[in-house]
Amino acid sequence: MSIAGDKWCRGEATEWVLHENVVSLTGDSFSVKNGDTGAVAIKANAAIFSIKDAIQLLDADTDEELCTIQSTFMHTLPTYLIQRSGETVATVRKDRVSCHKTIRVYEGEASFNPITNTTQSECLLQLHGGLIVERNTEIYKGDTDEKVGYSHENRFDLGGLFGQDEYELTVEAGGDIVLILAAMIVKDEITEIDEAVQAAAEAAGILGGGLVQRMIACWSASVGHEHLRSQCLAVSFNQLNSGRGELVPGCPSV
């Protein structure tokens, strides 16, 4: 069963293409196409972004809300809510430390222990990034090793020459297509934040700097994307607390 209804859970594996302009939650347009037909299946309602710092996914055929991705700023680790009709159906959160840059999707509006980063909410999905190409992702059901989807970035697509990214996503039979797509969009957003922090610190020549210097770099990196600023600062603070002499994208520690 899908969070968006039976239409978005199939009895066979399905192919999808996510085409976006750099960072989805900055209000840039993107669409999800059927991998077999090329027809747009899901589109973004960018209008809601400027009001709520959120992006709404709509059924391209009916304009019905499939889900809304809402960023939150009350956590030291990147955390996003997936909502439908105003109700939070899932929480997406990055692991504190993970070599695979793991992101987990939990049922409902999960709350987390600030010390252990654990929650009582059921884990619905795990997303593991590649060790070489971070945006290549394997997706597993709950805390099991049952793969329900996988994706890879089309690094040499024509759109990539003009500041756009394109991903091919396979969802296995029985997988929640909308939930998996929403989780992939969040994962890309988190990756973009990490890369912005890293790039700003390198450009400023303060890769090994202290908290103040890194916060300045984060502030610079988020110019034009002010809604990301608190998350950039949180990432910087967590990376500093890791005790390392370098930034560690995707592996902050508190």
C-alpha atoms as a PDB file:
ATOM      1  CA  MET A   1       0.000   0.000   0.000  1.00  0.00           C
ATOM      2  CA  SER A   2       1.283   3.454  -0.892  1.00  0.00           C
ATOM      3  CA  ILE A   3       0.865   6.607   1.188  1.00  0.00           C
ATOM      4  CA  ALA A   4      -0.811   8.065  -1.926  1.00  0.00           C
ATOM      5  CA  GLY A   5      -3.169   5.185  -2.745  1.00  0.00           C
ATOM      6  CA  ASP A   6      -3.223   1.953  -4.732  1.00  0.00           C
ATOM      7  CA  LYS A   7      -2.239   3.646  -8.007  1.00  0.00           C
ATOM      8  CA  TRP A   8       1.270   4.127  -6.633  1.00  0.00           C
ATOM      9  CA  CYS A   9       1.935   0.529  -5.629  1.00  0.00           C
ATOM     10  CA  ARG A  10       2.309  -1.899  -8.519  1.00  0.00           C
ATOM     11  CA  GLY A  11       2.458  -5.644  -8.872  1.00  0.00           C
ATOM     12  CA  GLU A  12       5.547  -5.393 -11.046  1.00  0.00           C
ATOM     13  CA  ALA A  13       8.777  -3.425 -11.001  1.00  0.00           C
ATOM     14  CA  THR A  14       8.475   0.092 -12.404  1.00  0.00           C
ATOM     15  CA  GLU A  15      10.966   2.556 -13.879  1.00  0.00           C
ATOM     16  CA  TRP A  16      10.962   6.295 -13.194  1.00  0.00           C
ATOM     17  CA  VAL A  17      13.096   9.271 -14.176  1.00  0.00           C
ATOM     18  CA  LEU A  18      13.481  12.193 -11.782  1.00  0.00           C
ATOM     19  CA  HIS A  19      14.548  15.334 -13.617  1.00  0.00           C
ATOM     20  CA  GLU A  20      15.350  18.368 -11.518  1.00  0.00           C
ATOM     21  CA  ASN A  21      17.110  21.714 -11.555  1.00  0.00           C
ATOM     22  CA  VAL A  22      19.981  21.346  -9.071  1.00  0.00           C
ATOM     23  CA  VAL A  23      18.166  21.429  -5.681  1.00  0.00           C
ATOM     24  CA  SER A  24      14.520  20.428  -5.504  1.00  0.00           C
ATOM     25  CA  LEU A  25      13.570  22.207  -2.280  1.00  0.00           C
ATOM     26  CA  THR A  26      14.875  25.571  -3.423  1.00  0.00           C
ATOM     27  CA  GLY A  27      11.796  26.009  -5.542  1.00  0.00           C
ATOM     28  CA  ASP A  28      13.392  24.898  -8.788  1.00  0.00           C
ATOM     29  CA  SER A  29      11.121  22.949 -11.087  1.00  0.00           C
ATOM     30  CA  PHE A  30      11.320  19.207 -11.487  1.00  0.00           C
ATOM     31  CA  SER A  31       9.211  16.352 -12.733  1.00  0.00           C
ATOM     32  CA  VAL A  32       9.007  12.590 -12.446  1.00  0.00           C
ATOM     33  CA  LYS A  33       8.507  10.736 -15.702  1.00  0.00           C
ATOM     34  CA  ASN A  34       7.399   7.207 -16.434  1.00  0.00           C
ATOM     35  CA  GLY A  35      10.588   5.434 -17.439  1.00  0.00           C
ATOM     36  CA  ASP A  36       8.817   3.357 -20.086  1.00  0.00           C
ATOM     37  CA  THR A  37       6.654   5.984 -21.803  1.00  0.00           C
ATOM     38  CA  GLY A  38       8.470   9.235 -20.986  1.00  0.00           C
ATOM     39  CA  ALA A  39       5.188  10.824 -19.903  1.00  0.00           C
ATOM     40  CA  VAL A  40       5.224  13.124 -16.861  1.00  0.00           C
ATOM     41  CA  ALA A  41       3.632  11.238 -13.968  1.00  0.00           C
ATOM     42  CA  ILE A  42       4.375  13.567 -11.025  1.00  0.00           C
ATOM     43  CA  LYS A  43       4.978  17.308 -11.023  1.00  0.00           C
ATOM     44  CA  ALA A  44       5.952  19.813  -8.362  1.00  0.00           C
ATOM     45  CA  ASN A  45       3.798  22.626  -7.071  1.00  0.00           C
ATOM     46  CA  ALA A  46       6.487  25.285  -6.690  1.00  0.00           C
ATOM     47  CA  ALA A  47       3.977  27.921  -5.535  1.00  0.00           C
ATOM     48  CA  ILE A  48       3.688  26.388  -2.064  1.00  0.00           C
ATOM     49  CA  PHE A  49       7.459  26.610  -1.608  1.00  0.00           C
ATOM     50  CA  SER A  50       7.643  30.372  -1.145  1.00  0.00           C
ATOM     51  CA  ILE A  51       4.937  30.205   1.521  1.00  0.00           C
ATOM     52  CA  LYS A  52       5.855  27.175   3.609  1.00  0.00           C
ATOM     53  CA  ASP A  53       9.434  26.144   2.730  1.00  0.00           C
ATOM     54  CA  ALA A  54       7.918  22.959   1.385  1.00  0.00           C
ATOM     55  CA  ILE A  55       7.299  21.354  -1.962  1.00  0.00           C
ATOM     56  CA  GLN A  56       4.153  19.530  -2.965  1.00  0.00           C
ATOM     57  CA  LEU A  57       4.131  16.543  -5.297  1.00  0.00           C
ATOM     58  CA  LEU A  58       1.067  16.351  -7.532  1.00  0.00           C
ATOM     59  CA  ASP A  59      -0.391  13.599  -9.707  1.00  0.00           C
ATOM     60  CA  ALA A  60       0.188  14.965 -13.221  1.00  0.00           C
ATOM     61  CA  ASP A  61      -3.099  13.456 -14.434  1.00  0.00           C
ATOM     62  CA  THR A  62      -5.407  14.742 -11.693  1.00  0.00           C
ATOM     63  CA  ASP A  63      -3.465  17.509  -9.876  1.00  0.00           C
ATOM     64  CA  GLU A  64      -4.196  15.593  -6.652  1.00  0.00           C
ATOM     65  CA  GLU A  65      -1.685  16.023  -3.828  1.00  0.00           C
ATOM     66  CA  LEU A  66       0.446  12.914  -3.480  1.00  0.00           C
ATOM     67  CA  CYS A  67       2.522  14.273  -0.596  1.00  0.00           C
ATOM     68  CA  THR A  68       4.235  17.409   0.658  1.00  0.00           C
ATOM     69  CA  ILE A  69       7.881  17.479   1.767  1.00  0.00           C
ATOM     70  CA  GLN A  70       8.407  19.867   4.675  1.00  0.00           C
ATOM     71  CA  SER A  71      11.839  20.812   6.005  1.00  0.00           C
ATOM     72  CA  THR A  72      12.235  21.264   9.760  1.00  0.00           C
ATOM     73  CA  PHE A  73      14.748  23.406  11.625  1.00  0.00           C
ATOM     74  CA  MET A  74      14.385  22.081  15.174  1.00  0.00           C
ATOM     75  CA  HIS A  75      16.937  19.284  14.828  1.00  0.00           C
ATOM     76  CA  THR A  76      20.728  19.155  14.724  1.00  0.00           C
ATOM     77  CA  LEU A  77      20.573  16.471  12.034  1.00  0.00           C
ATOM     78  CA  PRO A  78      18.779  17.068   8.717  1.00  0.00           C
ATOM     79  CA  THR A  79      15.145  16.041   9.223  1.00  0.00           C
ATOM     80  CA  TYR A  80      12.177  16.303   6.879  1.00  0.00           C
ATOM     81  CA  LEU A  81       8.495  15.494   7.227  1.00  0.00           C
ATOM     82  CA  ILE A  82       6.463  13.838   4.503  1.00  0.00           C
ATOM     83  CA  GLN A  83       2.849  14.930   4.821  1.00  0.00           C
ATOM     84  CA  ARG A  84      -0.430  14.171   3.112  1.00  0.00           C
ATOM     85  CA  SER A  85      -3.594  16.198   3.625  1.00  0.00           C
ATOM     86  CA  GLY A  86      -1.878  17.985   6.512  1.00  0.00           C
ATOM     87  CA  GLU A  87      -0.971  14.758   8.354  1.00  0.00           C
ATOM     88  CA  THR A  88       2.635  13.634   8.783  1.00  0.00           C
ATOM     89  CA  VAL A  89       2.911  10.125   7.376  1.00  0.00           C
ATOM     90  CA  ALA A  90       6.697   9.752   7.530  1.00  0.00           C
ATOM     91  CA  THR A  91       9.875  11.365   8.859  1.00  0.00           C
ATOM     92  CA  VAL A  92      13.132  11.327   6.894  1.00  0.00           C
ATOM     93  CA  ARG A  93      16.344  11.690   8.873  1.00  0.00           C
ATOM     94  CA  LYS A  94      20.021  11.235   8.260  1.00  0.00           C
ATOM     95  CA  ASP A  95      22.033   8.822  10.409  1.00  0.00           C
ATOM     96  CA  ARG A  96      24.478  10.523  12.761  1.00  0.00           C
ATOM     97  CA  VAL A  97      27.476   8.588  11.446  1.00  0.00           C
ATOM     98  CA  SER A  98      27.456   6.297   8.419  1.00  0.00           C
ATOM     99  CA  CYS A  99      30.082   5.447   5.824  1.00  0.00           C
ATOM    100  CA  HIS A 100      27.234   4.735   3.390  1.00  0.00           C
ATOM    101  CA  LYS A 101      25.618   8.104   4.194  1.00  0.00           C
ATOM    102  CA  THR A 102      22.486   6.302   5.321  1.00  0.00           C
ATOM    103  CA  ILE A 103      19.135   8.069   5.432  1.00  0.00           C
ATOM    104  CA  ARG A 104      16.151   6.430   7.110  1.00  0.00           C
ATOM    105  CA  VAL A 105      12.436   6.917   6.676  1.00  0.00           C
ATOM    106  CA  TYR A 106      10.325   6.413   9.806  1.00  0.00           C
ATOM    107  CA  GLU A 107       6.596   5.996  10.200  1.00  0.00           C
ATOM    108  CA  GLY A 108       4.636   9.087  11.249  1.00  0.00           C
ATOM    109  CA  GLU A 109       6.156  12.118  12.976  1.00  0.00           C
ATOM    110  CA  ALA A 110       9.078  10.499  14.748  1.00  0.00           C
ATOM    111  CA  SER A 111      10.769  11.966  17.812  1.00  0.00           C
ATOM    112  CA  PHE A 112      14.430  11.248  18.542  1.00  0.00           C
ATOM    113  CA  ASN A 113      16.581  10.827  21.616  1.00  0.00           C
ATOM    114  CA  PRO A 114      19.076  13.727  21.428  1.00  0.00           C
ATOM    115  CA  ILE A 115      21.851  11.560  22.867  1.00  0.00           C
ATOM    116  CA  THR A 116      21.426   8.283  21.009  1.00  0.00           C
ATOM    117  CA  ASN A 117      19.519   9.518  17.943  1.00  0.00           C
ATOM    118  CA  THR A 118      17.127   6.574  18.362  1.00  0.00           C
ATOM    119  CA  THR A 119      13.358   6.588  17.987  1.00  0.00           C
ATOM    120  CA  GLN A 120      10.464   4.303  18.854  1.00  0.00           C
ATOM    121  CA  SER A 121       8.920   4.842  15.415  1.00  0.00           C
ATOM    122  CA  GLU A 122       9.058   2.008  12.910  1.00  0.00           C
ATOM    123  CA  CYS A 123      11.699   2.250  10.181  1.00  0.00           C
ATOM    124  CA  LEU A 124      10.029   2.058   6.760  1.00  0.00           C
ATOM    125  CA  LEU A 125      13.010   2.519   4.431  1.00  0.00           C
ATOM    126  CA  GLN A 126      16.796   2.772   4.418  1.00  0.00           C
ATOM    127  CA  LEU A 127      18.640   4.641   1.678  1.00  0.00           C
ATOM    128  CA  HIS A 128      22.329   3.859   1.231  1.00  0.00           C
ATOM    129  CA  GLY A 129      24.473   6.087  -0.987  1.00  0.00           C
ATOM    130  CA  GLY A 130      27.334   4.730  -3.029  1.00  0.00           C
ATOM    131  CA  LEU A 131      30.869   4.903  -1.680  1.00  0.00           C
ATOM    132  CA  ILE A 132      32.150   6.396  -4.942  1.00  0.00           C
ATOM    133  CA  VAL A 133      29.114   8.124  -6.461  1.00  0.00           C
ATOM    134  CA  GLU A 134      27.014   9.319  -3.536  1.00  0.00           C
ATOM    135  CA  ARG A 135      23.857   9.858  -5.562  1.00  0.00           C
ATOM    136  CA  ASN A 136      23.754   6.216  -6.649  1.00  0.00           C
ATOM    137  CA  THR A 137      21.425   4.745  -4.067  1.00  0.00           C
ATOM    138  CA  GLU A 138      20.149   1.375  -2.875  1.00  0.00           C
ATOM    139  CA  ILE A 139      16.849   1.363  -0.988  1.00  0.00           C
ATOM    140  CA  TYR A 140      15.821  -1.306   1.515  1.00  0.00           C
ATOM    141  CA  LYS A 141      12.604  -2.135   3.327  1.00  0.00           C
ATOM    142  CA  GLY A 142      12.722  -1.210   7.015  1.00  0.00           C
ATOM    143  CA  ASP A 143      15.755  -2.591   8.817  1.00  0.00           C
ATOM    144  CA  THR A 144      15.941  -5.614   6.520  1.00  0.00           C
ATOM    145  CA  ASP A 145      18.191  -6.452   3.567  1.00  0.00           C
ATOM    146  CA  GLU A 146      15.188  -6.678   1.214  1.00  0.00           C
ATOM    147  CA  LYS A 147      15.883  -4.268  -1.629  1.00  0.00           C
ATOM    148  CA  VAL A 148      12.789  -2.336  -2.740  1.00  0.00           C
ATOM    149  CA  GLY A 149      14.467   0.075  -5.133  1.00  0.00           C
ATOM    150  CA  TYR A 150      17.678   1.497  -6.522  1.00  0.00           C
ATOM    151  CA  SER A 151      18.721   4.540  -8.496  1.00  0.00           C
ATOM    152  CA  HIS A 152      21.645   6.010 -10.371  1.00  0.00           C
ATOM    153  CA  GLU A 153      22.440   9.450 -11.681  1.00  0.00           C
ATOM    154  CA  ASN A 154      22.675  10.026 -15.420  1.00  0.00           C
ATOM    155  CA  ARG A 155      25.933  11.925 -15.174  1.00  0.00           C
ATOM    156  CA  PHE A 156      26.236  12.579 -18.895  1.00  0.00           C
ATOM    157  CA  ASP A 157      22.667  13.515 -19.744  1.00  0.00           C
ATOM    158  CA  LEU A 158      22.193  16.690 -21.819  1.00  0.00           C
ATOM    159  CA  GLY A 159      20.423  18.452 -18.970  1.00  0.00           C
ATOM    160  CA  GLY A 160      23.480  17.954 -16.791  1.00  0.00           C
ATOM    161  CA  LEU A 161      25.346  20.395 -19.006  1.00  0.00           C
ATOM    162  CA  PHE A 162      22.965  23.154 -17.963  1.00  0.00           C
ATOM    163  CA  GLY A 163      22.900  22.716 -14.184  1.00  0.00           C
ATOM    164  CA  GLN A 164      20.292  19.990 -14.065  1.00  0.00           C
ATOM    165  CA  ASP A 165      20.355  16.490 -12.611  1.00  0.00           C
ATOM    166  CA  GLU A 166      18.564  13.407 -13.804  1.00  0.00           C
ATOM    167  CA  TYR A 167      18.126  10.133 -11.951  1.00  0.00           C
ATOM    168  CA  GLU A 168      16.770   6.791 -13.046  1.00  0.00           C
ATOM    169  CA  LEU A 169      14.890   4.972 -10.300  1.00  0.00           C
ATOM    170  CA  THR A 170      13.660   1.390 -10.231  1.00  0.00           C
ATOM    171  CA  VAL A 171      10.975   0.516  -7.681  1.00  0.00           C
ATOM    172  CA  GLU A 172      10.492  -3.187  -7.128  1.00  0.00           C
ATOM    173  CA  ALA A 173       7.057  -4.833  -7.129  1.00  0.00           C
ATOM    174  CA  GLY A 174       5.047  -3.869  -4.053  1.00  0.00           C
ATOM    175  CA  GLY A 175       7.194  -0.828  -3.250  1.00  0.00           C
ATOM    176  CA  ASP A 176       5.638   2.503  -2.288  1.00  0.00           C
ATOM    177  CA  ILE A 177       6.520   4.585  -5.342  1.00  0.00           C
ATOM    178  CA  VAL A 178       5.589   7.986  -3.874  1.00  0.00           C
ATOM    179  CA  LEU A 179       7.315   7.412  -0.540  1.00  0.00           C
ATOM    180  CA  ILE A 180      10.492   6.205  -2.250  1.00  0.00           C
ATOM    181  CA  LEU A 181      10.500   9.161  -4.669  1.00  0.00           C
ATOM    182  CA  ALA A 182       9.955  11.631  -1.813  1.00  0.00           C
ATOM    183  CA  ALA A 183      12.800  10.038   0.158  1.00  0.00           C
ATOM    184  CA  MET A 184      15.086  10.319  -2.882  1.00  0.00           C
ATOM    185  CA  ILE A 185      14.281  14.035  -3.221  1.00  0.00           C
ATOM    186  CA  VAL A 186      15.144  14.548   0.465  1.00  0.00           C
ATOM    187  CA  LYS A 187      18.371  12.592   0.065  1.00  0.00           C
ATOM    188  CA  ASP A 188      19.422  14.817  -2.799  1.00  0.00           C
ATOM    189  CA  GLU A 189      18.636  17.912  -0.744  1.00  0.00           C
ATOM    190  CA  ILE A 190      20.793  16.682   2.150  1.00  0.00           C
ATOM    191  CA  THR A 191      23.620  15.885  -0.273  1.00  0.00           C
ATOM    192  CA  GLU A 192      23.405  19.391  -1.741  1.00  0.00           C
ATOM    193  CA  ILE A 193      23.661  20.948   1.739  1.00  0.00           C
ATOM    194  CA  ASP A 194      26.742  18.870   2.604  1.00  0.00           C
ATOM    195  CA  GLU A 195      28.386  19.761  -0.706  1.00  0.00           C
ATOM    196  CA  ALA A 196      27.617  23.475  -0.253  1.00  0.00           C
ATOM    197  CA  VAL A 197      29.214  23.495   3.210  1.00  0.00           C
ATOM    198  CA  GLN A 198      32.276  21.647   1.948  1.00  0.00           C
ATOM    199  CA  ALA A 199      32.692  23.867  -1.110  1.00  0.00           C
ATOM    200  CA  ALA A 200      32.299  27.088   0.884  1.00  0.00           C
ATOM    201  CA  ALA A 201      34.875  26.004   3.448  1.00  0.00           C
ATOM    202  CA  GLU A 202      37.350  24.995   0.740  1.00  0.00           C
ATOM    203  CA  ALA A 203      36.825  28.255  -1.166  1.00  0.00           C
ATOM    204  CA  ALA A 204      37.429  30.247   2.010  1.00  0.00           C
ATOM    205  CA  GLY A 205      40.548  28.218   2.802  1.00  0.00           C
ATOM    206  CA  ILE A 206      39.227  27.269   6.250  1.00  0.00           C
ATOM    207  CA  LEU A 207      38.747  23.543   5.868  1.00  0.00           C
ATOM    208  CA  GLY A 208      40.423  22.980   9.219  1.00  0.00           C
ATOM    209  CA  GLY A 209      39.010  26.120  10.827  1.00  0.00           C
ATOM    210  CA  GLY A 210      36.981  26.461  13.975  1.00  0.00           C
ATOM    211  CA  LEU A 211      33.263  26.796  14.532  1.00  0.00           C
ATOM    212  CA  VAL A 212      33.053  30.525  13.804  1.00  0.00           C
ATOM    213  CA  GLN A 213      34.906  30.235  10.502  1.00  0.00           C
ATOM    214  CA  ARG A 214      32.808  27.308   9.402  1.00  0.00           C
ATOM    215  CA  MET A 215      29.599  29.085  10.288  1.00  0.00           C
ATOM    216  CA  ILE A 216      30.722  32.012   8.146  1.00  0.00           C
ATOM    217  CA  ALA A 217      31.350  29.612   5.275  1.00  0.00           C
ATOM    218  CA  CYS A 218      27.934  28.032   5.760  1.00  0.00           C
ATOM    219  CA  TRP A 219      26.290  31.438   5.791  1.00  0.00           C
ATOM    220  CA  SER A 220      27.984  32.236   2.498  1.00  0.00           C
ATOM    221  CA  ALA A 221      26.983  28.893   1.000  1.00  0.00           C
ATOM    222  CA  SER A 222      23.316  29.474   1.807  1.00  0.00           C
ATOM    223  CA  VAL A 223      23.016  32.956   0.284  1.00  0.00           C
ATOM    224  CA  GLY A 224      20.013  32.828  -2.008  1.00  0.00           C
ATOM    225  CA  HIS A 225      18.722  29.766  -0.185  1.00  0.00           C
ATOM    226  CA  GLU A 226      18.055  31.298   3.231  1.00  0.00           C
ATOM    227  CA  HIS A 227      15.605  28.577   4.210  1.00  0.00           C
ATOM    228  CA  LEU A 228      18.563  26.149   4.230  1.00  0.00           C
ATOM    229  CA  ARG A 229      20.727  28.359   6.416  1.00  0.00           C
ATOM    230  CA  SER A 230      19.933  26.813   9.802  1.00  0.00           C
ATOM    231  CA  GLN A 231      20.493  23.317   8.438  1.00  0.00           C
ATOM    232  CA  CYS A 232      23.846  24.357   6.930  1.00  0.00           C
ATOM    233  CA  LEU A 233      24.879  25.781  10.288  1.00  0.00           C
ATOM    234  CA  ALA A 234      23.763  22.608  12.060  1.00  0.00           C
ATOM    235  CA  VAL A 235      25.794  20.482   9.652  1.00  0.00           C
ATOM    236  CA  SER A 236      28.836  22.661  10.277  1.00  0.00           C
ATOM    237  CA  PHE A 237      28.450  22.436  14.042  1.00  0.00           C
ATOM    238  CA  ASN A 238      28.028  18.653  13.904  1.00  0.00           C
ATOM    239  CA  GLN A 239      31.072  18.263  11.679  1.00  0.00           C
ATOM    240  CA  LEU A 240      33.162  20.338  14.070  1.00  0.00           C
ATOM    241  CA  ASN A 241      32.072  18.141  16.971  1.00  0.00           C
ATOM    242  CA  SER A 242      33.215  15.056  15.093  1.00  0.00           C
ATOM    243  CA  GLY A 243      36.705  15.930  16.338  1.00  0.00           C
ATOM    244  CA  ARG A 244      38.160  15.703  12.846  1.00  0.00           C
ATOM    245  CA  GLY A 245      40.412  18.266  11.246  1.00  0.00           C
ATOM    246  CA  GLU A 246      38.298  18.275   8.081  1.00  0.00           C
ATOM    247  CA  LEU A 247      34.715  18.479   7.019  1.00  0.00           C
ATOM    248  CA  VAL A 248      33.096  15.097   6.570  1.00  0.00           C
ATOM    249  CA  PRO A 249      30.149  15.480   4.173  1.00  0.00           C
ATOM    250  CA  GLY A 250      27.358  13.090   5.029  1.00  0.00           C
ATOM    251  CA  CYS A 251      28.894  11.947   8.303  1.00  0.00           C
ATOM    252  CA  PRO A 252      28.267  14.628  10.927  1.00  0.00           C
ATOM    253  CA  SER A 253      28.567  13.607  14.544  1.00  0.00           C
ATOM    254  CA  VAL A 254      27.227  15.235  17.710  1.00  0.00           C
END
